[in-house]
Every structure is written in structure tokens, then in C-alpha cells.
Amino acid sequence: LAMIQVYARNIDDVWFGLACAEPQVFAASFGESEQEVLGNLLDSLPFNVPFQVYSAPLPFAQNALSILKTIYDGEEKSFHFTLAVEHLPVYTQRALKATRQIPAGYVTSYGSIAKVVGGGPRAVGNVMANNAFAPLVPCHRVVKSDFTLGGYGGGLKVKYQLLCREKRGFTAEDTVDVEGKEMAIYPVE
């Protein structure tokens, strides 16, 4: 495996971080300080892989950082790089894949994800709490079954702000396909 490149950039007073080795992203983060973002990234890296912190991002990393910012700003954005999940447990991979199916403007519950990937809401919550790819894997779109926010590593205020930026005016619940099963999604309004 190639050396993992680690970057932290301040964009519009928010720090965005990325750990990558083209074409894979190993971790993504955002926060109030460079130290917080670098700490989150380093905590998420596989323990046996060399990494180096760089100041100027290469084009691949620059593109991925701009996608992070776009998603943070509440826009729907697809990306064409892969998330390095092979070192994660299979259950974690399945829960993260299901979470990636939740479009901007919608939320789902920990229990709804558990219905399509197995396990229980608490197991899904544990995966979300350790999501190394926020906001690329939009764990902020996963809430409790009573639609209260639940938890969020960046704090509930940040989760609420992310969801407010994603409001689209949707009024009807919907479903998305996850591994051949339908997962209920609900308007963020």
C-alpha cells in the first residue's frame, strides 16, 4: 500500500481534513481546529500503514477536499473516489454503505438502517459514532426513531446545522434500495 497523505485545510473558517492515497480516501473530517481534524484523521487510519502530513494538497486531495466542503455546505455531491473500508469489519462496511444511500434533504433512523443491514439500532449507532468518513458518509442524516438527533461526534449543534443546510422542502417520506431491501427515509424538515 502506498504512503497515506494527510491534509488539513482551513476553508471559510472551518478546518477540513483528508487522509488519502489516490484513488482511495482513508478518512475525512471537519472541525473547528487543525489539531482536532488531524487527531480525528490519525485516529481513523489503519495502524499498520505509513502516513505523512502534507501542507499542499495534490490535485486528487484538492478535489476531495472541495467535495467535503460542498457536502458540508448542504449540497448533494457525488464523488468518484473509493472509500478505503477493507480493513473495517464487514458489519461496519454494510452500515456505512447503507448510510451513503441517504440523500441530502432526508434522514433515517438507526433502527431503519439496522432493519436492512442486521443488528440493532445501538450497533448502528456505534458504527456512526466511529464513522471515519464524515461527511462523505453522512452519519449526520441518521437520527433516533422519534426523530430527535441522537448523538454526533462534532456535537448536536453541528449535526443540527448540517441538517438545516440540507433542507430541500421535501414533504413525503420515501425509500432507498440497500442491498435489495427498502430503507425508509424521511424529509429533514
N, C-alpha and C. Protein backbone atom coordinates (compact mmCIF):
# COMPACT_ATOMS: atom_id res chain seq x y z
N LEU A 1 0.85 -1.19 0.00
CA LEU A 1 0.00 0.00 0.00
C LEU A 1 0.89 1.24 0.00
N ALA A 2 0.47 2.23 -0.73
CA ALA A 2 1.23 3.48 -0.83
C ALA A 2 1.15 4.26 0.48
N MET A 3 2.02 5.22 0.60
CA MET A 3 2.01 6.13 1.75
C MET A 3 0.70 6.91 1.76
N ILE A 4 0.05 6.96 2.91
CA ILE A 4 -1.18 7.75 3.04
C ILE A 4 -0.79 9.21 3.22
N GLN A 5 -1.39 10.07 2.43
CA GLN A 5 -1.16 11.51 2.52
C GLN A 5 -2.25 12.11 3.40
N VAL A 6 -1.84 12.92 4.36
CA VAL A 6 -2.78 13.55 5.29
C VAL A 6 -2.72 15.06 5.09
N TYR A 7 -3.91 15.66 4.96
CA TYR A 7 -4.01 17.10 4.72
C TYR A 7 -5.04 17.71 5.66
N ALA A 8 -4.81 18.95 6.04
CA ALA A 8 -5.82 19.75 6.76
C ALA A 8 -5.80 21.14 6.13
N ARG A 9 -6.97 21.64 5.77
CA ARG A 9 -7.09 22.96 5.14
C ARG A 9 -8.19 23.74 5.83
N ASN A 10 -7.96 25.02 6.00
CA ASN A 10 -8.99 25.90 6.51
C ASN A 10 -9.69 26.54 5.33
N ILE A 11 -11.00 26.31 5.22
CA ILE A 11 -11.81 26.88 4.15
C ILE A 11 -12.99 27.59 4.80
N ASP A 12 -13.07 28.89 4.64
CA ASP A 12 -14.17 29.68 5.22
C ASP A 12 -14.32 29.43 6.73
N ASP A 13 -13.21 29.45 7.46
CA ASP A 13 -13.19 29.32 8.92
C ASP A 13 -13.61 27.95 9.45
N VAL A 14 -13.60 26.94 8.59
CA VAL A 14 -13.82 25.56 9.04
C VAL A 14 -12.63 24.75 8.56
N TRP A 15 -12.10 23.89 9.42
CA TRP A 15 -10.99 23.01 9.03
C TRP A 15 -11.55 21.73 8.43
N PHE A 16 -11.02 21.36 7.27
CA PHE A 16 -11.38 20.11 6.59
C PHE A 16 -10.13 19.27 6.48
N GLY A 17 -10.27 17.98 6.73
CA GLY A 17 -9.12 17.10 6.68
C GLY A 17 -9.40 15.87 5.83
N LEU A 18 -8.31 15.33 5.31
CA LEU A 18 -8.41 14.19 4.42
C LEU A 18 -7.17 13.33 4.58
N ALA A 19 -7.36 12.02 4.61
CA ALA A 19 -6.25 11.06 4.55
C ALA A 19 -6.50 10.21 3.33
N CYS A 20 -5.56 10.22 2.37
CA CYS A 20 -5.83 9.55 1.11
C CYS A 20 -4.55 8.99 0.49
N ALA A 21 -4.76 8.03 -0.38
CA ALA A 21 -3.73 7.50 -1.28
C ALA A 21 -4.50 7.21 -2.56
N GLU A 22 -4.37 8.09 -3.53
CA GLU A 22 -5.17 8.01 -4.75
C GLU A 22 -5.22 6.58 -5.27
N PRO A 23 -6.40 6.02 -5.57
CA PRO A 23 -7.73 6.63 -5.68
C PRO A 23 -8.60 6.43 -4.43
N GLN A 24 -8.00 6.17 -3.28
CA GLN A 24 -8.79 5.88 -2.09
C GLN A 24 -8.70 6.99 -1.05
N VAL A 25 -9.81 7.17 -0.33
CA VAL A 25 -9.84 8.04 0.84
C VAL A 25 -9.93 7.13 2.06
N PHE A 26 -9.02 7.33 3.00
CA PHE A 26 -8.98 6.51 4.21
C PHE A 26 -9.74 7.15 5.36
N ALA A 27 -9.85 8.47 5.35
CA ALA A 27 -10.58 9.17 6.40
C ALA A 27 -10.84 10.59 5.94
N ALA A 28 -11.92 11.17 6.46
CA ALA A 28 -12.26 12.57 6.21
C ALA A 28 -12.77 13.14 7.53
N SER A 29 -12.60 14.43 7.69
CA SER A 29 -13.02 15.06 8.94
C SER A 29 -13.22 16.55 8.71
N PHE A 30 -13.93 17.17 9.64
CA PHE A 30 -14.03 18.63 9.65
C PHE A 30 -14.18 19.05 11.10
N GLY A 31 -13.82 20.29 11.40
CA GLY A 31 -13.92 20.75 12.78
C GLY A 31 -13.45 22.18 12.93
N GLU A 32 -13.36 22.60 14.18
CA GLU A 32 -13.02 23.99 14.48
C GLU A 32 -11.52 24.27 14.50
N SER A 33 -10.70 23.22 14.61
CA SER A 33 -9.26 23.47 14.68
C SER A 33 -8.49 22.43 13.86
N GLU A 34 -7.30 22.83 13.44
CA GLU A 34 -6.44 21.92 12.71
C GLU A 34 -6.10 20.70 13.56
N GLN A 35 -5.82 20.93 14.85
CA GLN A 35 -5.46 19.83 15.75
C GLN A 35 -6.59 18.82 15.87
N GLU A 36 -7.83 19.30 16.00
CA GLU A 36 -8.99 18.40 16.11
C GLU A 36 -9.12 17.55 14.86
N VAL A 37 -9.01 18.18 13.69
CA VAL A 37 -9.18 17.47 12.42
C VAL A 37 -8.05 16.46 12.22
N LEU A 38 -6.81 16.87 12.45
CA LEU A 38 -5.68 15.93 12.31
C LEU A 38 -5.81 14.77 13.30
N GLY A 39 -6.24 15.06 14.51
CA GLY A 39 -6.44 14.00 15.51
C GLY A 39 -7.48 12.99 15.06
N ASN A 40 -8.62 13.49 14.52
CA ASN A 40 -9.67 12.60 14.01
C ASN A 40 -9.14 11.72 12.89
N LEU A 41 -8.38 12.33 11.97
CA LEU A 41 -7.85 11.57 10.84
C LEU A 41 -6.89 10.48 11.32
N LEU A 42 -5.96 10.85 12.17
CA LEU A 42 -4.94 9.89 12.62
C LEU A 42 -5.57 8.77 13.45
N ASP A 43 -6.62 9.08 14.21
CA ASP A 43 -7.32 8.05 14.98
C ASP A 43 -8.02 7.04 14.08
N SER A 44 -8.34 7.46 12.84
CA SER A 44 -9.11 6.61 11.92
C SER A 44 -8.26 5.78 10.98
N LEU A 45 -6.97 6.04 10.92
CA LEU A 45 -6.12 5.33 9.96
C LEU A 45 -5.83 3.90 10.42
N PRO A 46 -5.69 2.97 9.46
CA PRO A 46 -5.25 1.63 9.84
C PRO A 46 -3.88 1.74 10.53
N PHE A 47 -3.67 0.97 11.58
CA PHE A 47 -2.48 1.15 12.42
C PHE A 47 -1.18 0.75 11.74
N ASN A 48 -1.24 -0.07 10.70
CA ASN A 48 -0.02 -0.62 10.11
C ASN A 48 0.37 0.02 8.78
N VAL A 49 -0.16 1.21 8.50
CA VAL A 49 0.08 1.86 7.21
C VAL A 49 0.85 3.16 7.43
N PRO A 50 1.93 3.38 6.67
CA PRO A 50 2.69 4.62 6.84
C PRO A 50 1.89 5.82 6.32
N PHE A 51 2.08 6.96 6.97
CA PHE A 51 1.41 8.18 6.53
C PHE A 51 2.36 9.36 6.70
N GLN A 52 2.05 10.44 6.01
CA GLN A 52 2.80 11.68 6.15
C GLN A 52 1.83 12.83 6.02
N VAL A 53 2.01 13.85 6.87
CA VAL A 53 1.18 15.05 6.81
C VAL A 53 1.82 16.02 5.82
N TYR A 54 1.03 16.50 4.87
CA TYR A 54 1.49 17.43 3.84
C TYR A 54 0.77 18.76 4.00
N SER A 55 1.43 19.83 3.58
CA SER A 55 0.79 21.14 3.66
C SER A 55 0.04 21.50 2.39
N ALA A 56 0.56 21.14 1.23
CA ALA A 56 -0.09 21.50 -0.04
C ALA A 56 -0.69 20.25 -0.68
N PRO A 57 -2.01 20.22 -0.87
CA PRO A 57 -2.64 19.03 -1.42
C PRO A 57 -2.36 18.84 -2.90
N LEU A 58 -2.17 17.58 -3.28
CA LEU A 58 -2.07 17.21 -4.68
C LEU A 58 -3.47 17.33 -5.30
N PRO A 59 -3.58 17.32 -6.64
CA PRO A 59 -4.90 17.51 -7.28
C PRO A 59 -5.99 16.57 -6.79
N PHE A 60 -5.68 15.29 -6.60
CA PHE A 60 -6.68 14.34 -6.10
C PHE A 60 -7.22 14.80 -4.74
N ALA A 61 -6.32 15.15 -3.83
CA ALA A 61 -6.72 15.58 -2.49
C ALA A 61 -7.45 16.92 -2.54
N GLN A 62 -6.99 17.82 -3.38
CA GLN A 62 -7.64 19.12 -3.52
C GLN A 62 -9.09 18.94 -3.96
N ASN A 63 -9.33 18.05 -4.93
CA ASN A 63 -10.68 17.76 -5.40
C ASN A 63 -11.52 17.16 -4.27
N ALA A 64 -10.98 16.20 -3.55
CA ALA A 64 -11.72 15.56 -2.47
C ALA A 64 -12.04 16.56 -1.35
N LEU A 65 -11.11 17.45 -1.03
CA LEU A 65 -11.36 18.48 -0.01
C LEU A 65 -12.48 19.42 -0.45
N SER A 66 -12.52 19.77 -1.73
CA SER A 66 -13.59 20.65 -2.21
C SER A 66 -14.94 19.94 -2.15
N ILE A 67 -14.95 18.62 -2.39
CA ILE A 67 -16.19 17.84 -2.25
C ILE A 67 -16.65 17.82 -0.79
N LEU A 68 -15.71 17.65 0.14
CA LEU A 68 -16.05 17.71 1.57
C LEU A 68 -16.74 19.02 1.91
N LYS A 69 -16.16 20.12 1.44
CA LYS A 69 -16.72 21.45 1.72
C LYS A 69 -18.11 21.58 1.11
N THR A 70 -18.30 21.10 -0.10
CA THR A 70 -19.60 21.18 -0.78
C THR A 70 -20.67 20.42 0.01
N ILE A 71 -20.33 19.21 0.48
CA ILE A 71 -21.28 18.42 1.28
C ILE A 71 -21.55 19.12 2.61
N TYR A 72 -20.50 19.64 3.23
CA TYR A 72 -20.65 20.38 4.49
C TYR A 72 -21.61 21.55 4.31
N ASP A 73 -21.55 22.20 3.15
CA ASP A 73 -22.41 23.36 2.86
C ASP A 73 -23.85 22.97 2.54
N GLY A 74 -24.15 21.65 2.52
CA GLY A 74 -25.52 21.21 2.33
C GLY A 74 -25.88 20.81 0.93
N GLU A 75 -24.90 20.78 0.03
CA GLU A 75 -25.18 20.40 -1.35
C GLU A 75 -25.02 18.90 -1.54
N GLU A 76 -25.81 18.35 -2.44
CA GLU A 76 -25.66 16.93 -2.81
C GLU A 76 -24.47 16.84 -3.75
N LYS A 77 -23.56 15.94 -3.50
CA LYS A 77 -22.36 15.85 -4.34
C LYS A 77 -21.93 14.40 -4.44
N SER A 78 -21.88 13.89 -5.66
CA SER A 78 -21.36 12.53 -5.83
C SER A 78 -19.84 12.64 -5.96
N PHE A 79 -19.16 11.55 -5.72
CA PHE A 79 -17.71 11.56 -5.87
C PHE A 79 -17.27 10.27 -6.52
N HIS A 80 -16.11 10.33 -7.16
CA HIS A 80 -15.65 9.21 -7.98
C HIS A 80 -14.39 8.56 -7.41
N PHE A 81 -14.17 8.73 -6.12
CA PHE A 81 -13.08 8.02 -5.48
C PHE A 81 -13.68 6.95 -4.57
N THR A 82 -12.87 6.01 -4.16
CA THR A 82 -13.37 4.95 -3.29
C THR A 82 -13.00 5.23 -1.85
N LEU A 83 -13.82 4.75 -0.96
CA LEU A 83 -13.54 4.84 0.47
C LEU A 83 -12.84 3.55 0.88
N ALA A 84 -11.72 3.68 1.53
CA ALA A 84 -10.94 2.52 1.97
C ALA A 84 -11.61 1.91 3.20
N VAL A 85 -12.40 0.88 2.99
CA VAL A 85 -13.13 0.25 4.09
C VAL A 85 -12.73 -1.21 4.30
N GLU A 86 -11.81 -1.72 3.46
CA GLU A 86 -11.47 -3.14 3.51
C GLU A 86 -10.97 -3.58 4.88
N HIS A 87 -10.31 -2.68 5.62
CA HIS A 87 -9.77 -3.03 6.93
C HIS A 87 -10.83 -2.98 8.04
N LEU A 88 -12.04 -2.54 7.70
CA LEU A 88 -13.12 -2.42 8.69
C LEU A 88 -13.92 -3.72 8.75
N PRO A 89 -14.57 -4.00 9.90
CA PRO A 89 -15.42 -5.19 10.00
C PRO A 89 -16.53 -5.14 8.94
N VAL A 90 -16.97 -6.32 8.49
CA VAL A 90 -17.99 -6.41 7.44
C VAL A 90 -19.27 -5.68 7.85
N TYR A 91 -19.67 -5.81 9.11
CA TYR A 91 -20.90 -5.13 9.56
C TYR A 91 -20.75 -3.61 9.43
N THR A 92 -19.60 -3.10 9.81
CA THR A 92 -19.34 -1.66 9.69
C THR A 92 -19.43 -1.23 8.23
N GLN A 93 -18.84 -2.02 7.35
CA GLN A 93 -18.89 -1.70 5.92
C GLN A 93 -20.34 -1.64 5.43
N ARG A 94 -21.16 -2.59 5.85
CA ARG A 94 -22.56 -2.63 5.41
C ARG A 94 -23.34 -1.43 5.95
N ALA A 95 -23.12 -1.08 7.21
CA ALA A 95 -23.84 0.07 7.79
C ALA A 95 -23.41 1.38 7.12
N LEU A 96 -22.12 1.52 6.82
CA LEU A 96 -21.65 2.73 6.14
C LEU A 96 -22.21 2.81 4.72
N LYS A 97 -22.27 1.67 4.04
CA LYS A 97 -22.81 1.64 2.67
C LYS A 97 -24.29 2.06 2.70
N ALA A 98 -25.05 1.57 3.66
CA ALA A 98 -26.47 1.95 3.78
C ALA A 98 -26.59 3.45 4.05
N THR A 99 -25.75 3.97 4.89
CA THR A 99 -25.80 5.40 5.25
C THR A 99 -25.51 6.27 4.03
N ARG A 100 -24.62 5.80 3.16
CA ARG A 100 -24.31 6.55 1.94
C ARG A 100 -25.51 6.67 1.01
N GLN A 101 -26.52 5.82 1.18
CA GLN A 101 -27.70 5.86 0.32
C GLN A 101 -28.70 6.95 0.71
N ILE A 102 -28.52 7.58 1.87
CA ILE A 102 -29.46 8.61 2.33
C ILE A 102 -29.16 9.92 1.61
N PRO A 103 -30.08 10.40 0.77
CA PRO A 103 -29.81 11.63 0.03
C PRO A 103 -29.94 12.87 0.91
N ALA A 104 -29.31 13.96 0.47
CA ALA A 104 -29.47 15.25 1.16
C ALA A 104 -30.95 15.59 1.18
N GLY A 105 -31.40 16.17 2.29
CA GLY A 105 -32.80 16.53 2.43
C GLY A 105 -33.61 15.48 3.16
N TYR A 106 -32.98 14.34 3.46
CA TYR A 106 -33.66 13.25 4.16
C TYR A 106 -32.84 12.77 5.34
N VAL A 107 -33.53 12.12 6.27
CA VAL A 107 -32.88 11.41 7.38
C VAL A 107 -33.48 10.01 7.45
N THR A 108 -32.81 9.15 8.16
CA THR A 108 -33.38 7.84 8.51
C THR A 108 -32.99 7.56 9.95
N SER A 109 -33.51 6.48 10.49
CA SER A 109 -33.22 6.17 11.89
C SER A 109 -32.17 5.06 12.01
N TYR A 110 -31.56 5.01 13.18
CA TYR A 110 -30.62 3.92 13.47
C TYR A 110 -31.33 2.58 13.27
N GLY A 111 -32.60 2.51 13.70
CA GLY A 111 -33.37 1.27 13.56
C GLY A 111 -33.65 0.91 12.11
N SER A 112 -33.91 1.92 11.26
CA SER A 112 -34.17 1.64 9.84
C SER A 112 -32.93 1.05 9.17
N ILE A 113 -31.76 1.57 9.53
CA ILE A 113 -30.52 1.01 8.98
C ILE A 113 -30.34 -0.42 9.49
N ALA A 114 -30.60 -0.63 10.79
CA ALA A 114 -30.46 -1.97 11.37
C ALA A 114 -31.39 -2.98 10.67
N LYS A 115 -32.57 -2.54 10.26
CA LYS A 115 -33.51 -3.45 9.57
C LYS A 115 -32.94 -3.96 8.25
N VAL A 116 -32.15 -3.14 7.56
CA VAL A 116 -31.63 -3.58 6.26
C VAL A 116 -30.24 -4.20 6.33
N VAL A 117 -29.46 -3.91 7.38
CA VAL A 117 -28.11 -4.49 7.46
C VAL A 117 -27.96 -5.50 8.59
N GLY A 118 -28.98 -5.64 9.43
CA GLY A 118 -28.90 -6.56 10.56
C GLY A 118 -28.47 -5.83 11.81
N GLY A 119 -28.41 -6.57 12.90
CA GLY A 119 -28.03 -5.97 14.17
C GLY A 119 -29.15 -5.12 14.72
N GLY A 120 -28.81 -4.29 15.69
CA GLY A 120 -29.81 -3.43 16.33
C GLY A 120 -29.43 -1.97 16.19
N PRO A 121 -30.34 -1.09 16.59
CA PRO A 121 -30.07 0.34 16.50
C PRO A 121 -28.79 0.76 17.23
N ARG A 122 -28.51 0.14 18.36
CA ARG A 122 -27.30 0.50 19.12
C ARG A 122 -26.03 0.14 18.35
N ALA A 123 -26.05 -1.01 17.66
CA ALA A 123 -24.90 -1.42 16.85
C ALA A 123 -24.67 -0.41 15.72
N VAL A 124 -25.77 0.02 15.08
CA VAL A 124 -25.65 1.04 14.04
C VAL A 124 -25.11 2.33 14.63
N GLY A 125 -25.60 2.71 15.80
CA GLY A 125 -25.12 3.91 16.48
C GLY A 125 -23.62 3.85 16.74
N ASN A 126 -23.13 2.68 17.12
CA ASN A 126 -21.69 2.53 17.35
C ASN A 126 -20.90 2.73 16.06
N VAL A 127 -21.43 2.23 14.94
CA VAL A 127 -20.76 2.43 13.65
C VAL A 127 -20.74 3.93 13.32
N MET A 128 -21.88 4.59 13.52
CA MET A 128 -21.96 6.03 13.21
C MET A 128 -20.99 6.83 14.09
N ALA A 129 -20.89 6.43 15.36
CA ALA A 129 -20.01 7.14 16.30
C ALA A 129 -18.54 7.02 15.89
N ASN A 130 -18.22 5.98 15.14
CA ASN A 130 -16.83 5.76 14.72
C ASN A 130 -16.65 5.95 13.21
N ASN A 131 -17.57 6.66 12.57
CA ASN A 131 -17.51 6.91 11.14
C ASN A 131 -16.26 7.73 10.81
N ALA A 132 -15.35 7.13 10.04
CA ALA A 132 -14.10 7.80 9.68
C ALA A 132 -14.25 8.67 8.44
N PHE A 133 -15.45 8.74 7.88
CA PHE A 133 -15.63 9.41 6.58
C PHE A 133 -16.63 10.57 6.61
N ALA A 134 -16.84 11.17 7.77
CA ALA A 134 -17.79 12.30 7.85
C ALA A 134 -17.21 13.50 7.10
N PRO A 135 -18.01 14.20 6.32
CA PRO A 135 -19.42 13.98 5.98
C PRO A 135 -19.64 13.21 4.69
N LEU A 136 -18.58 12.57 4.12
CA LEU A 136 -18.75 11.79 2.88
C LEU A 136 -19.75 10.66 3.09
N VAL A 137 -19.66 9.99 4.23
CA VAL A 137 -20.70 9.06 4.67
C VAL A 137 -21.52 9.87 5.67
N PRO A 138 -22.74 10.26 5.26
CA PRO A 138 -23.49 11.28 6.02
C PRO A 138 -24.17 10.76 7.28
N CYS A 139 -23.36 10.42 8.28
CA CYS A 139 -23.91 9.91 9.54
C CYS A 139 -24.77 10.96 10.23
N HIS A 140 -24.59 12.24 9.86
CA HIS A 140 -25.45 13.29 10.44
C HIS A 140 -26.90 13.13 10.01
N ARG A 141 -27.16 12.32 8.97
CA ARG A 141 -28.52 12.09 8.49
C ARG A 141 -29.19 10.90 9.18
N VAL A 142 -28.54 10.36 10.22
CA VAL A 142 -29.12 9.24 10.97
C VAL A 142 -29.54 9.76 12.34
N VAL A 143 -30.83 9.56 12.65
CA VAL A 143 -31.42 10.11 13.88
C VAL A 143 -32.14 8.99 14.64
N LYS A 144 -32.61 9.32 15.83
CA LYS A 144 -33.36 8.35 16.62
C LYS A 144 -34.74 8.14 16.02
N SER A 145 -35.41 7.05 16.41
CA SER A 145 -36.71 6.71 15.82
C SER A 145 -37.78 7.76 16.12
N ASP A 146 -37.59 8.56 17.17
CA ASP A 146 -38.56 9.62 17.47
C ASP A 146 -38.16 10.94 16.80
N PHE A 147 -37.16 10.86 15.91
CA PHE A 147 -36.65 11.99 15.13
C PHE A 147 -35.88 13.03 15.95
N THR A 148 -35.55 12.69 17.20
CA THR A 148 -34.58 13.54 17.90
C THR A 148 -33.21 13.19 17.34
N LEU A 149 -32.24 14.07 17.54
CA LEU A 149 -30.98 13.95 16.83
C LEU A 149 -30.14 12.74 17.19
N GLY A 150 -30.23 12.25 18.42
CA GLY A 150 -29.32 11.17 18.82
C GLY A 150 -27.99 11.78 19.19
N GLY A 151 -26.90 11.19 18.72
CA GLY A 151 -25.58 11.71 19.04
C GLY A 151 -24.88 12.20 17.79
N TYR A 152 -23.73 12.86 18.00
CA TYR A 152 -22.89 13.27 16.87
C TYR A 152 -21.52 13.65 17.41
N GLY A 153 -20.48 13.11 16.77
CA GLY A 153 -19.12 13.35 17.24
C GLY A 153 -18.75 14.82 17.28
N GLY A 154 -19.27 15.61 16.34
CA GLY A 154 -18.97 17.04 16.30
C GLY A 154 -19.87 17.86 17.19
N GLY A 155 -20.80 17.20 17.90
CA GLY A 155 -21.75 17.90 18.76
C GLY A 155 -23.10 18.03 18.08
N LEU A 156 -24.16 18.06 18.89
CA LEU A 156 -25.52 18.11 18.34
C LEU A 156 -25.80 19.42 17.60
N LYS A 157 -25.17 20.51 18.04
CA LYS A 157 -25.36 21.79 17.35
C LYS A 157 -24.87 21.68 15.90
N VAL A 158 -23.72 21.05 15.70
CA VAL A 158 -23.16 20.88 14.36
C VAL A 158 -24.06 19.97 13.52
N LYS A 159 -24.56 18.88 14.13
CA LYS A 159 -25.46 17.97 13.40
C LYS A 159 -26.71 18.72 12.95
N TYR A 160 -27.29 19.51 13.85
CA TYR A 160 -28.48 20.28 13.53
C TYR A 160 -28.20 21.28 12.41
N GLN A 161 -27.06 21.96 12.46
CA GLN A 161 -26.71 22.93 11.42
C GLN A 161 -26.53 22.25 10.06
N LEU A 162 -25.87 21.09 10.05
CA LEU A 162 -25.71 20.34 8.79
C LEU A 162 -27.08 20.00 8.20
N LEU A 163 -27.98 19.49 9.02
CA LEU A 163 -29.31 19.11 8.54
C LEU A 163 -30.10 20.33 8.07
N CYS A 164 -29.98 21.46 8.76
CA CYS A 164 -30.68 22.68 8.32
C CYS A 164 -30.20 23.12 6.94
N ARG A 165 -28.89 23.01 6.69
CA ARG A 165 -28.35 23.41 5.39
C ARG A 165 -28.83 22.47 4.28
N GLU A 166 -29.25 21.27 4.65
CA GLU A 166 -29.68 20.29 3.65
C GLU A 166 -31.19 20.31 3.39
N LYS A 167 -31.93 21.16 4.06
CA LYS A 167 -33.38 21.20 3.84
C LYS A 167 -33.68 21.48 2.38
N ARG A 168 -34.60 20.70 1.82
CA ARG A 168 -34.97 20.85 0.41
C ARG A 168 -36.46 21.12 0.24
N GLY A 169 -37.20 21.16 1.35
CA GLY A 169 -38.64 21.37 1.24
C GLY A 169 -39.41 20.10 0.93
N PHE A 170 -38.77 18.94 1.06
CA PHE A 170 -39.47 17.68 0.81
C PHE A 170 -40.55 17.48 1.87
N THR A 171 -41.66 16.87 1.47
CA THR A 171 -42.76 16.66 2.42
C THR A 171 -43.13 15.19 2.58
N ALA A 172 -42.75 14.35 1.64
CA ALA A 172 -43.17 12.94 1.70
C ALA A 172 -42.00 12.04 2.07
N GLU A 173 -42.32 11.02 2.87
CA GLU A 173 -41.28 10.02 3.13
C GLU A 173 -41.07 9.20 1.87
N ASP A 174 -39.96 8.49 1.82
CA ASP A 174 -39.58 7.75 0.62
C ASP A 174 -38.81 6.52 1.07
N THR A 175 -38.28 5.77 0.11
CA THR A 175 -37.41 4.65 0.44
C THR A 175 -36.22 4.67 -0.51
N VAL A 176 -35.13 4.08 -0.08
CA VAL A 176 -33.97 3.86 -0.94
C VAL A 176 -33.62 2.39 -0.87
N ASP A 177 -33.04 1.88 -1.94
CA ASP A 177 -32.65 0.48 -2.01
C ASP A 177 -31.29 0.27 -1.36
N VAL A 178 -31.25 -0.65 -0.42
CA VAL A 178 -29.99 -1.03 0.23
C VAL A 178 -29.88 -2.54 0.15
N GLU A 179 -28.97 -3.01 -0.70
CA GLU A 179 -28.75 -4.46 -0.85
C GLU A 179 -30.05 -5.21 -1.11
N GLY A 180 -30.92 -4.66 -1.97
CA GLY A 180 -32.17 -5.31 -2.31
C GLY A 180 -33.29 -5.15 -1.30
N LYS A 181 -33.06 -4.39 -0.24
CA LYS A 181 -34.10 -4.13 0.76
C LYS A 181 -34.44 -2.64 0.74
N GLU A 182 -35.67 -2.32 1.07
CA GLU A 182 -36.08 -0.93 1.11
C GLU A 182 -35.85 -0.34 2.49
N MET A 183 -35.16 0.80 2.52
CA MET A 183 -34.92 1.52 3.77
C MET A 183 -35.73 2.81 3.73
N ALA A 184 -36.52 3.03 4.77
CA ALA A 184 -37.36 4.24 4.86
C ALA A 184 -36.47 5.47 5.10
N ILE A 185 -36.80 6.55 4.37
CA ILE A 185 -36.15 7.84 4.61
C ILE A 185 -37.24 8.90 4.78
N TYR A 186 -36.96 9.93 5.56
CA TYR A 186 -37.95 10.93 5.93
C TYR A 186 -37.40 12.33 5.66
N PRO A 187 -38.28 13.25 5.23
CA PRO A 187 -37.79 14.62 4.98
C PRO A 187 -37.15 15.21 6.22
N VAL A 188 -36.07 15.95 6.02
CA VAL A 188 -35.35 16.54 7.14
C VAL A 188 -36.16 17.68 7.79
N GLU A 189 -37.15 18.22 7.07
CA GLU A 189 -37.95 19.32 7.59
C GLU A 189 -38.49 18.95 8.95
